[in-house]
């Protein structure tokens, strides 16, 4: 509720790059997603390039390469634009597409939008209809697939869209209540499974 009050959809439409990512304040959009809303599904880990563009803490000069551009203040994925302003405009427009898609219940469309999965699905989770939620607060594909494969043993992770896993798991566990009541035991079970040693024999 605090997030949606601070970041209504219209503010996202007009969001500036400095509002999206900065080093001075704790109210930047991506700071909300990663830190302030950590308890609504963690997206920690990996590179800050998952946000498409970010304000650099380390301003050491770097040459562009491997699909990445390092400017004086920002670093971004080159596929989004040649300049920081062009890249951010692309990212912001796609975030709006994610929000509009989830608000009409079109999860398949979100699969198609070219943004990092943890970014777009957490945004979708936050802006979905809270009375009729479609998305769990789990954004790690391996975790979702761990539970989905228990339902469809023939599934392959690289061929299974997030939309299918969310829809299937929500339907399978809908009797448990809220998205939090569904998600928390799934988190716990997955984390417990990582501690189990796998034994294998070659015959």
Protein backbone atom coordinates (compact mmCIF):
# COMPACT_ATOMS: atom_id res chain seq x y z
CA UNK A 1 0.00 0.00 0.00
CA UNK A 2 2.84 2.38 0.82
CA UNK A 3 4.50 1.61 -2.49
CA UNK A 4 1.35 2.12 -4.56
CA UNK A 5 0.66 5.38 -2.78
CA UNK A 6 4.21 6.56 -3.53
CA UNK A 7 4.24 5.14 -7.07
CA UNK A 8 0.80 5.34 -8.71
CA UNK A 9 0.75 4.36 -12.37
CA UNK A 10 0.67 7.98 -13.56
CA UNK A 11 3.87 8.72 -11.69
CA UNK A 12 5.54 5.76 -13.37
CA UNK A 13 4.42 7.11 -16.77
CA UNK A 14 6.21 10.38 -16.01
CA UNK A 15 9.08 8.93 -13.98
CA UNK A 16 12.49 10.51 -14.54
CA UNK A 17 15.75 8.63 -14.71
CA UNK A 18 16.80 10.20 -11.41
CA UNK A 19 13.60 8.91 -9.79
CA UNK A 20 14.20 5.44 -11.20
CA UNK A 21 17.78 5.10 -9.95
CA UNK A 22 19.99 7.30 -7.78
CA UNK A 23 22.57 6.97 -5.02
CA UNK A 24 21.37 9.70 -2.66
CA UNK A 25 17.85 8.73 -1.64
CA UNK A 26 16.03 5.60 -0.53
CA UNK A 27 12.90 6.40 -2.51
CA UNK A 28 14.16 5.52 -5.98
CA UNK A 29 11.87 3.14 -7.86
CA UNK A 30 14.40 0.31 -8.03
CA UNK A 31 15.39 0.84 -4.37
CA UNK A 32 11.76 0.21 -3.46
CA UNK A 33 11.71 -2.97 -5.55
CA UNK A 34 14.94 -4.48 -4.26
CA UNK A 35 15.28 -3.21 -0.69
CA UNK A 36 12.13 -1.70 0.76
CA UNK A 37 9.89 -4.45 -0.62
CA UNK A 38 12.31 -7.30 0.00
CA UNK A 39 9.72 -9.11 2.13
CA UNK A 40 7.37 -9.22 -0.85
CA UNK A 41 9.73 -11.44 -2.81
CA UNK A 42 13.47 -10.95 -2.93
CA UNK A 43 15.18 -9.91 -6.15
CA UNK A 44 18.63 -9.53 -4.60
CA UNK A 45 21.63 -10.98 -6.35
CA UNK A 46 23.05 -10.84 -9.81
CA UNK A 47 24.05 -7.69 -11.62
CA UNK A 48 22.37 -4.29 -11.34
CA UNK A 49 21.96 -4.55 -15.12
CA UNK A 50 18.77 -6.49 -14.29
CA UNK A 51 17.17 -3.04 -13.95
CA UNK A 52 18.14 -2.18 -17.52
CA UNK A 53 19.92 0.98 -16.39
CA UNK A 54 21.35 2.03 -13.04
CA UNK A 55 23.26 4.87 -11.42
CA UNK A 56 26.90 3.92 -11.04
CA UNK A 57 28.55 3.83 -7.63
CA UNK A 58 31.94 2.98 -9.11
CA UNK A 59 32.67 5.56 -11.83
CA UNK A 60 35.83 3.88 -13.10
CA UNK A 61 36.01 4.26 -16.87
CA UNK A 62 35.00 1.12 -18.77
CA UNK A 63 34.77 0.35 -22.46
CA UNK A 64 31.42 -0.73 -23.82
CA UNK A 65 31.08 -4.40 -24.63
CA UNK A 66 29.06 -7.59 -24.14
CA UNK A 67 25.84 -5.66 -24.66
CA UNK A 68 26.61 -3.16 -21.91
CA UNK A 69 27.47 0.53 -21.91
CA UNK A 70 29.13 2.41 -19.04
CA UNK A 71 28.60 6.15 -19.13
CA UNK A 72 29.97 8.72 -16.70
CA UNK A 73 26.99 8.41 -14.34
CA UNK A 74 24.90 5.50 -15.58
CA UNK A 75 25.41 2.02 -16.98
CA UNK A 76 22.82 0.34 -19.17
CA UNK A 77 22.07 -2.51 -21.56
CA UNK A 78 22.87 -1.37 -25.08
CA UNK A 79 19.81 -3.13 -26.53
CA UNK A 80 17.63 -0.49 -24.89
CA UNK A 81 19.32 2.50 -26.52
CA UNK A 82 22.53 4.21 -27.52
CA UNK A 83 22.26 6.91 -24.85
CA UNK A 84 21.15 6.81 -21.22
CA UNK A 85 18.03 8.89 -21.98
CA UNK A 86 17.07 6.68 -24.92
CA UNK A 87 17.63 3.51 -22.88
CA UNK A 88 15.58 4.76 -19.96
CA UNK A 89 12.71 5.85 -22.21
CA UNK A 90 12.58 2.30 -23.59
CA UNK A 91 12.68 0.71 -20.14
CA UNK A 92 10.00 3.03 -18.74
CA UNK A 93 7.66 2.37 -21.67
CA UNK A 94 8.07 -1.37 -21.22
CA UNK A 95 7.36 -1.11 -17.49
CA UNK A 96 4.11 0.64 -18.39
CA UNK A 97 3.33 -2.22 -20.79
CA UNK A 98 3.89 -4.69 -17.92
CA UNK A 99 1.57 -2.75 -15.63
CA UNK A 100 -1.15 -2.43 -18.26
CA UNK A 101 -0.89 -6.13 -19.11
CA UNK A 102 -1.19 -7.34 -15.53
CA UNK A 103 -4.11 -5.03 -14.84
CA UNK A 104 -6.11 -6.78 -17.57
CA UNK A 105 -4.83 -10.21 -16.49
CA UNK A 106 -2.66 -10.83 -19.57
CA UNK A 107 0.33 -12.71 -18.18
CA UNK A 108 1.30 -14.10 -21.58
CA UNK A 109 1.95 -10.55 -22.78
CA UNK A 110 4.33 -10.01 -19.86
CA UNK A 111 6.32 -13.07 -20.96
CA UNK A 112 6.87 -11.31 -24.29
CA UNK A 113 8.11 -7.98 -22.92
CA UNK A 114 11.89 -7.69 -23.11
CA UNK A 115 12.91 -6.81 -19.55
CA UNK A 116 14.74 -8.90 -16.96
CA UNK A 117 12.27 -11.43 -15.48
CA UNK A 118 12.87 -10.42 -11.86
CA UNK A 119 12.17 -6.78 -12.73
CA UNK A 120 9.05 -7.21 -14.81
CA UNK A 121 7.44 -9.89 -12.66
CA UNK A 122 7.97 -8.03 -9.40
CA UNK A 123 6.45 -4.92 -10.98
CA UNK A 124 3.57 -7.05 -12.25
CA UNK A 125 3.09 -8.55 -8.79
CA UNK A 126 2.89 -5.10 -7.19
CA UNK A 127 0.42 -3.64 -9.70
CA UNK A 128 -1.86 -6.66 -10.08
CA UNK A 129 -5.47 -6.62 -8.86
CA UNK A 130 -5.06 -7.30 -5.14
CA UNK A 131 -8.60 -8.66 -4.93
CA UNK A 132 -7.93 -11.19 -7.71
CA UNK A 133 -4.18 -11.83 -7.69
CA UNK A 134 -2.55 -13.89 -10.44
CA UNK A 135 1.12 -13.73 -9.45
CA UNK A 136 2.96 -15.11 -6.42
CA UNK A 137 5.71 -13.15 -4.67
CA UNK A 138 8.32 -15.54 -6.11
CA UNK A 139 10.44 -14.24 -8.98
CA UNK A 140 13.23 -16.81 -9.11
CA UNK A 141 12.52 -19.08 -12.05
CA UNK A 142 14.32 -22.07 -10.53
CA UNK A 143 12.08 -21.88 -7.48
CA UNK A 144 8.88 -21.65 -9.48
CA UNK A 145 10.00 -24.49 -11.73
CA UNK A 146 10.91 -26.70 -8.77
CA UNK A 147 7.25 -26.65 -7.72
CA UNK A 148 5.85 -26.68 -11.26
CA UNK A 149 7.84 -29.78 -12.20
CA UNK A 150 6.20 -31.62 -9.32
CA UNK A 151 2.95 -31.14 -11.27
CA UNK A 152 4.33 -31.70 -14.78
CA UNK A 153 7.34 -34.01 -14.62
CA UNK A 154 7.94 -33.72 -18.37
CA UNK A 155 8.45 -29.94 -18.24
CA UNK A 156 11.77 -28.30 -19.11
CA UNK A 157 12.74 -25.06 -17.45
CA UNK A 158 13.86 -23.27 -20.60
CA UNK A 159 10.56 -24.13 -22.31
CA UNK A 160 8.21 -23.22 -19.48
CA UNK A 161 7.03 -19.57 -19.36
CA UNK A 162 6.56 -17.75 -16.08
CA UNK A 163 2.91 -17.16 -16.98
CA UNK A 164 2.23 -20.90 -17.12
CA UNK A 165 3.97 -21.55 -13.81
CA UNK A 166 2.16 -18.74 -12.00
CA UNK A 167 -1.24 -19.77 -13.33
CA UNK A 168 -0.69 -23.44 -12.55
CA UNK A 169 0.66 -22.91 -9.04
CA UNK A 170 -2.02 -20.38 -8.13
CA UNK A 171 -4.72 -22.80 -9.27
CA UNK A 172 -3.11 -25.79 -7.52
CA UNK A 173 -2.80 -23.98 -4.17
CA UNK A 174 -5.77 -21.60 -4.25
CA UNK A 175 -7.37 -23.30 -1.24
CA UNK A 176 -4.51 -22.02 0.95
CA UNK A 177 -5.78 -18.46 0.74
CA UNK A 178 -3.79 -15.31 -0.05
CA UNK A 179 -0.74 -15.11 -2.29
CA UNK A 180 1.35 -14.86 0.88
CA UNK A 181 -0.23 -17.98 2.38
CA UNK A 182 0.56 -19.79 -0.87
CA UNK A 183 4.03 -18.37 -1.45
CA UNK A 184 5.64 -18.66 1.97
CA UNK A 185 5.50 -22.48 2.26
CA UNK A 186 6.73 -22.75 -1.34
CA UNK A 187 9.73 -20.58 -0.42
CA UNK A 188 10.39 -22.70 2.68
CA UNK A 189 10.13 -26.02 0.83
CA UNK A 190 12.44 -24.91 -1.98
CA UNK A 191 15.08 -23.56 0.40
CA UNK A 192 14.96 -26.80 2.41
CA UNK A 193 15.42 -28.83 -0.76
CA UNK A 194 18.68 -27.04 -1.56
CA UNK A 195 20.24 -28.48 1.58
CA UNK A 196 19.59 -32.05 0.54
CA UNK A 197 22.56 -33.90 -0.92
CA UNK A 198 21.97 -35.65 -4.21
CA UNK A 199 23.46 -39.13 -4.60
CA UNK A 200 24.22 -40.46 -8.05
CA UNK A 201 25.60 -43.68 -9.36
CA UNK A 202 27.10 -44.39 -12.77
CA UNK A 203 26.35 -47.90 -13.92
